[in-house]
C-alpha cells in the first residue's frame, strides 16, 4: 500500500446502538462490537464515519471516557485521518457527555 495515500473520514452521524442496528449500519456496528468484544446495549452511542471517496464506513463506540487521540490512532492504522470539522463535533459531543 502506498504510504502517501491518505483517506479522510467524515462523521456521518452519532446514533444509539438501537438506532444503528435498525439502519443500513447494522453490520458495521456488529463488526466493531466483535472487534472490541463488546456487548451491544440499546442506549450506547456510536459515531459513524464514512471514509471519503469509498463506500467504507467505520463505527466507534462513544462515551464520556472516549479518548479522541486513541480514535485517531485507530484511523491512522488504516491510513485515514478524521476531517477537522468532524473531530471538533466529536470533541464537543464527548464534552457534553462528561457534564
N, C-alpha and C. Protein backbone atom coordinates (compact mmCIF):
# COMPACT_ATOMS: atom_id res chain seq x y z
N UNK A 1 0.85 -1.19 0.00
CA UNK A 1 0.00 0.00 0.00
C UNK A 1 0.89 1.25 0.00
N UNK A 2 0.50 2.21 -0.77
CA UNK A 2 1.26 3.46 -0.87
C UNK A 2 1.08 4.27 0.41
N UNK A 3 2.17 4.53 1.12
CA UNK A 3 2.11 5.27 2.39
C UNK A 3 1.66 6.72 2.21
N UNK A 4 1.79 7.26 1.00
CA UNK A 4 1.41 8.65 0.76
C UNK A 4 -0.10 8.82 0.61
N UNK A 5 -0.79 7.73 0.36
CA UNK A 5 -2.23 7.81 0.17
C UNK A 5 -2.89 7.94 1.54
N UNK A 6 -3.66 8.98 1.70
CA UNK A 6 -4.36 9.18 2.96
C UNK A 6 -5.83 9.43 2.68
N UNK A 7 -6.65 8.66 3.32
CA UNK A 7 -8.08 8.85 3.20
C UNK A 7 -8.55 9.75 4.34
N UNK A 8 -9.73 10.34 4.14
CA UNK A 8 -10.29 11.23 5.15
C UNK A 8 -11.62 10.67 5.59
N UNK A 9 -11.80 10.63 6.92
CA UNK A 9 -13.06 10.15 7.49
C UNK A 9 -13.93 11.33 7.87
N UNK A 10 -15.19 11.27 7.50
CA UNK A 10 -16.15 12.31 7.84
C UNK A 10 -17.22 11.72 8.73
N UNK A 11 -17.50 12.40 9.82
CA UNK A 11 -18.55 11.95 10.74
C UNK A 11 -19.90 12.09 10.05
N UNK A 12 -20.62 10.98 9.96
CA UNK A 12 -21.94 10.98 9.32
C UNK A 12 -23.02 11.21 10.36
N UNK A 13 -22.88 10.51 11.50
CA UNK A 13 -23.94 10.57 12.50
C UNK A 13 -23.45 9.99 13.82
N UNK A 14 -24.11 10.39 14.89
CA UNK A 14 -23.94 9.74 16.18
C UNK A 14 -25.32 9.21 16.54
N UNK A 15 -25.40 7.92 16.71
CA UNK A 15 -26.68 7.25 16.95
C UNK A 15 -26.59 6.39 18.20
N UNK A 16 -27.76 5.98 18.71
CA UNK A 16 -27.75 4.94 19.73
C UNK A 16 -27.52 3.62 19.00
N UNK A 17 -27.06 2.63 19.74
CA UNK A 17 -26.87 1.30 19.15
C UNK A 17 -28.19 0.80 18.57
N UNK A 18 -29.28 1.03 19.30
CA UNK A 18 -30.60 0.58 18.81
C UNK A 18 -30.92 1.19 17.45
N UNK A 19 -30.70 2.50 17.31
CA UNK A 19 -30.96 3.17 16.02
C UNK A 19 -30.06 2.61 14.93
N UNK A 20 -28.79 2.43 15.28
CA UNK A 20 -27.82 1.96 14.28
C UNK A 20 -28.15 0.53 13.82
N UNK A 21 -28.60 -0.30 14.76
CA UNK A 21 -28.94 -1.68 14.40
C UNK A 21 -30.19 -1.75 13.53
N UNK A 22 -30.99 -0.70 13.56
CA UNK A 22 -32.19 -0.64 12.71
C UNK A 22 -31.94 0.13 11.43
N UNK A 23 -30.67 0.25 11.06
CA UNK A 23 -30.32 1.00 9.84
C UNK A 23 -29.39 0.15 8.99
N UNK A 24 -28.95 0.73 7.88
CA UNK A 24 -28.02 0.02 7.00
C UNK A 24 -26.63 -0.10 7.64
N UNK A 25 -26.44 0.50 8.81
CA UNK A 25 -25.15 0.43 9.53
C UNK A 25 -25.05 -0.78 10.44
N UNK A 26 -26.09 -1.60 10.47
CA UNK A 26 -26.16 -2.73 11.40
C UNK A 26 -24.89 -3.59 11.40
N UNK A 27 -24.45 -4.00 10.21
CA UNK A 27 -23.28 -4.89 10.14
C UNK A 27 -22.00 -4.21 10.61
N UNK A 28 -21.87 -2.92 10.34
CA UNK A 28 -20.67 -2.18 10.78
C UNK A 28 -20.61 -2.12 12.31
N UNK A 29 -21.78 -1.93 12.93
CA UNK A 29 -21.85 -1.88 14.39
C UNK A 29 -21.48 -3.24 14.97
N UNK A 30 -22.02 -4.30 14.37
CA UNK A 30 -21.75 -5.65 14.86
C UNK A 30 -20.27 -6.00 14.72
N UNK A 31 -19.65 -5.59 13.63
CA UNK A 31 -18.23 -5.84 13.43
C UNK A 31 -17.40 -5.13 14.50
N UNK A 32 -17.71 -3.84 14.75
CA UNK A 32 -16.95 -3.09 15.76
C UNK A 32 -17.14 -3.72 17.14
N UNK A 33 -18.37 -4.14 17.45
CA UNK A 33 -18.63 -4.78 18.75
C UNK A 33 -17.81 -6.07 18.88
N UNK A 34 -17.71 -6.83 17.79
CA UNK A 34 -16.92 -8.07 17.80
C UNK A 34 -15.43 -7.76 18.00
N UNK A 35 -14.93 -6.73 17.31
CA UNK A 35 -13.52 -6.33 17.44
C UNK A 35 -13.22 -5.96 18.88
N UNK A 36 -14.13 -5.23 19.51
CA UNK A 36 -13.92 -4.75 20.88
C UNK A 36 -14.42 -5.74 21.93
N UNK A 37 -14.96 -6.88 21.45
CA UNK A 37 -15.52 -7.88 22.36
C UNK A 37 -16.51 -7.21 23.31
N UNK A 38 -17.42 -6.47 22.73
CA UNK A 38 -18.33 -5.61 23.49
C UNK A 38 -19.77 -6.07 23.31
N UNK A 39 -20.49 -6.09 24.40
CA UNK A 39 -21.91 -6.42 24.35
C UNK A 39 -22.68 -5.20 23.85
N UNK A 40 -23.60 -5.43 22.94
CA UNK A 40 -24.38 -4.31 22.41
C UNK A 40 -25.51 -3.96 23.36
N UNK A 41 -25.55 -2.70 23.76
CA UNK A 41 -26.63 -2.19 24.62
C UNK A 41 -27.36 -1.10 23.85
N UNK A 42 -28.68 -1.16 23.86
CA UNK A 42 -29.52 -0.25 23.06
C UNK A 42 -29.14 1.21 23.19
N UNK A 43 -28.82 1.66 24.41
CA UNK A 43 -28.61 3.09 24.63
C UNK A 43 -27.16 3.54 24.47
N UNK A 44 -26.24 2.60 24.22
CA UNK A 44 -24.86 3.01 23.94
C UNK A 44 -24.85 3.85 22.67
N UNK A 45 -23.87 4.74 22.57
CA UNK A 45 -23.77 5.62 21.40
C UNK A 45 -22.65 5.16 20.48
N UNK A 46 -22.89 5.31 19.19
CA UNK A 46 -21.85 5.02 18.19
C UNK A 46 -21.71 6.21 17.25
N UNK A 47 -20.47 6.49 16.91
CA UNK A 47 -20.17 7.50 15.90
C UNK A 47 -19.91 6.76 14.60
N UNK A 48 -20.56 7.20 13.55
CA UNK A 48 -20.42 6.54 12.25
C UNK A 48 -19.70 7.49 11.30
N UNK A 49 -18.60 6.99 10.76
CA UNK A 49 -17.77 7.76 9.84
C UNK A 49 -17.81 7.12 8.47
N UNK A 50 -17.84 7.96 7.44
CA UNK A 50 -17.65 7.48 6.07
C UNK A 50 -16.22 7.82 5.68
N UNK A 51 -15.55 6.87 5.05
CA UNK A 51 -14.22 7.13 4.53
C UNK A 51 -14.44 7.74 3.15
N UNK A 52 -14.09 9.03 3.02
CA UNK A 52 -14.39 9.78 1.79
C UNK A 52 -13.90 9.05 0.54
N UNK A 53 -14.68 9.16 -0.50
CA UNK A 53 -14.44 8.56 -1.82
C UNK A 53 -14.39 7.04 -1.77
N UNK A 54 -15.00 6.45 -0.71
CA UNK A 54 -15.15 5.00 -0.65
C UNK A 54 -16.57 4.69 -0.17
N UNK A 55 -16.91 3.42 -0.19
CA UNK A 55 -18.20 3.00 0.38
C UNK A 55 -17.96 2.38 1.75
N UNK A 56 -16.79 2.66 2.32
CA UNK A 56 -16.42 2.10 3.61
C UNK A 56 -16.88 2.98 4.75
N UNK A 57 -17.37 2.35 5.78
CA UNK A 57 -17.79 3.05 6.99
C UNK A 57 -17.02 2.47 8.17
N UNK A 58 -16.74 3.31 9.14
CA UNK A 58 -16.14 2.87 10.39
C UNK A 58 -17.05 3.33 11.52
N UNK A 59 -17.25 2.45 12.46
CA UNK A 59 -18.12 2.73 13.60
C UNK A 59 -17.27 2.65 14.87
N UNK A 60 -17.45 3.62 15.75
CA UNK A 60 -16.75 3.61 17.04
C UNK A 60 -17.76 3.87 18.14
N UNK A 61 -17.62 3.12 19.22
CA UNK A 61 -18.46 3.38 20.39
C UNK A 61 -17.96 4.65 21.06
N UNK A 62 -18.90 5.49 21.49
CA UNK A 62 -18.57 6.79 22.07
C UNK A 62 -19.21 6.88 23.45
N UNK A 63 -18.41 7.27 24.43
CA UNK A 63 -18.96 7.56 25.75
C UNK A 63 -18.11 8.65 26.40
N UNK A 64 -18.41 8.99 27.63
CA UNK A 64 -17.71 10.11 28.27
C UNK A 64 -16.23 9.85 28.45
N UNK A 65 -15.82 8.58 28.38
CA UNK A 65 -14.40 8.22 28.53
C UNK A 65 -13.67 8.09 27.20
N UNK A 66 -14.36 8.35 26.11
CA UNK A 66 -13.74 8.21 24.79
C UNK A 66 -12.55 9.16 24.66
N UNK A 67 -11.43 8.61 24.25
CA UNK A 67 -10.22 9.39 24.02
C UNK A 67 -10.08 9.61 22.52
N UNK A 68 -10.26 10.85 22.11
CA UNK A 68 -10.23 11.17 20.68
C UNK A 68 -8.88 10.82 20.07
N UNK A 69 -7.81 10.92 20.84
CA UNK A 69 -6.48 10.60 20.31
C UNK A 69 -6.37 9.10 20.00
N UNK A 70 -6.98 8.27 20.83
CA UNK A 70 -6.97 6.82 20.58
C UNK A 70 -7.76 6.51 19.31
N UNK A 71 -8.87 7.22 19.15
CA UNK A 71 -9.69 7.04 17.96
C UNK A 71 -8.87 7.42 16.71
N UNK A 72 -8.15 8.53 16.81
CA UNK A 72 -7.32 8.98 15.68
C UNK A 72 -6.22 7.96 15.38
N UNK A 73 -5.68 7.32 16.43
CA UNK A 73 -4.67 6.27 16.23
C UNK A 73 -5.26 5.09 15.46
N UNK A 74 -6.49 4.71 15.81
CA UNK A 74 -7.16 3.62 15.10
C UNK A 74 -7.28 3.95 13.61
N UNK A 75 -7.70 5.18 13.32
CA UNK A 75 -7.81 5.60 11.93
C UNK A 75 -6.45 5.60 11.24
N UNK A 76 -5.44 6.06 11.96
CA UNK A 76 -4.10 6.17 11.38
C UNK A 76 -3.59 4.80 10.90
N UNK A 77 -3.94 3.76 11.65
CA UNK A 77 -3.56 2.38 11.25
C UNK A 77 -4.14 2.03 9.88
N UNK A 78 -5.24 2.70 9.52
CA UNK A 78 -5.91 2.44 8.24
C UNK A 78 -5.53 3.48 7.19
N UNK A 79 -4.53 4.31 7.50
CA UNK A 79 -4.15 5.43 6.61
C UNK A 79 -5.31 6.39 6.41
N UNK A 80 -6.02 6.65 7.50
CA UNK A 80 -7.17 7.54 7.47
C UNK A 80 -6.99 8.60 8.55
N UNK A 81 -7.41 9.82 8.22
CA UNK A 81 -7.45 10.86 9.25
C UNK A 81 -8.87 11.41 9.32
N UNK A 82 -9.24 11.90 10.49
CA UNK A 82 -10.57 12.49 10.68
C UNK A 82 -10.52 13.92 10.16
N UNK A 83 -11.53 14.31 9.41
CA UNK A 83 -11.52 15.70 8.95
C UNK A 83 -11.74 16.64 10.14
N UNK A 84 -11.24 17.84 10.02
CA UNK A 84 -11.21 18.79 11.13
C UNK A 84 -12.59 19.03 11.74
N UNK A 85 -13.58 19.31 10.90
CA UNK A 85 -14.92 19.61 11.40
C UNK A 85 -15.50 18.42 12.18
N UNK A 86 -15.30 17.22 11.66
CA UNK A 86 -15.82 16.02 12.33
C UNK A 86 -15.16 15.84 13.69
N UNK A 87 -13.86 16.10 13.75
CA UNK A 87 -13.15 15.98 15.02
C UNK A 87 -13.70 16.97 16.04
N UNK A 88 -13.96 18.21 15.60
CA UNK A 88 -14.49 19.23 16.51
C UNK A 88 -15.88 18.85 17.02
N UNK A 89 -16.72 18.36 16.13
CA UNK A 89 -18.08 17.95 16.51
C UNK A 89 -17.99 16.84 17.56
N UNK A 90 -17.13 15.87 17.30
CA UNK A 90 -16.98 14.74 18.22
C UNK A 90 -16.44 15.20 19.58
N UNK A 91 -15.47 16.09 19.56
CA UNK A 91 -14.93 16.62 20.83
C UNK A 91 -16.02 17.30 21.64
N UNK A 92 -16.83 18.13 20.98
CA UNK A 92 -17.91 18.82 21.69
C UNK A 92 -18.93 17.82 22.23
N UNK A 93 -19.23 16.81 21.44
CA UNK A 93 -20.20 15.79 21.86
C UNK A 93 -19.70 15.08 23.13
N UNK A 94 -18.44 14.68 23.12
CA UNK A 94 -17.85 13.97 24.28
C UNK A 94 -17.83 14.90 25.50
N UNK A 95 -17.50 16.17 25.27
CA UNK A 95 -17.53 17.14 26.38
C UNK A 95 -18.91 17.22 27.02
N UNK A 96 -19.95 17.23 26.19
CA UNK A 96 -21.32 17.28 26.72
C UNK A 96 -21.65 16.03 27.51
N UNK A 97 -21.15 14.87 27.07
CA UNK A 97 -21.40 13.63 27.79
C UNK A 97 -20.78 13.65 29.19
N UNK A 98 -19.70 14.39 29.33
CA UNK A 98 -18.98 14.44 30.61
C UNK A 98 -19.66 15.32 31.64
N UNK A 99 -20.61 16.15 31.22
CA UNK A 99 -21.27 17.08 32.14
C UNK A 99 -22.40 16.41 32.89
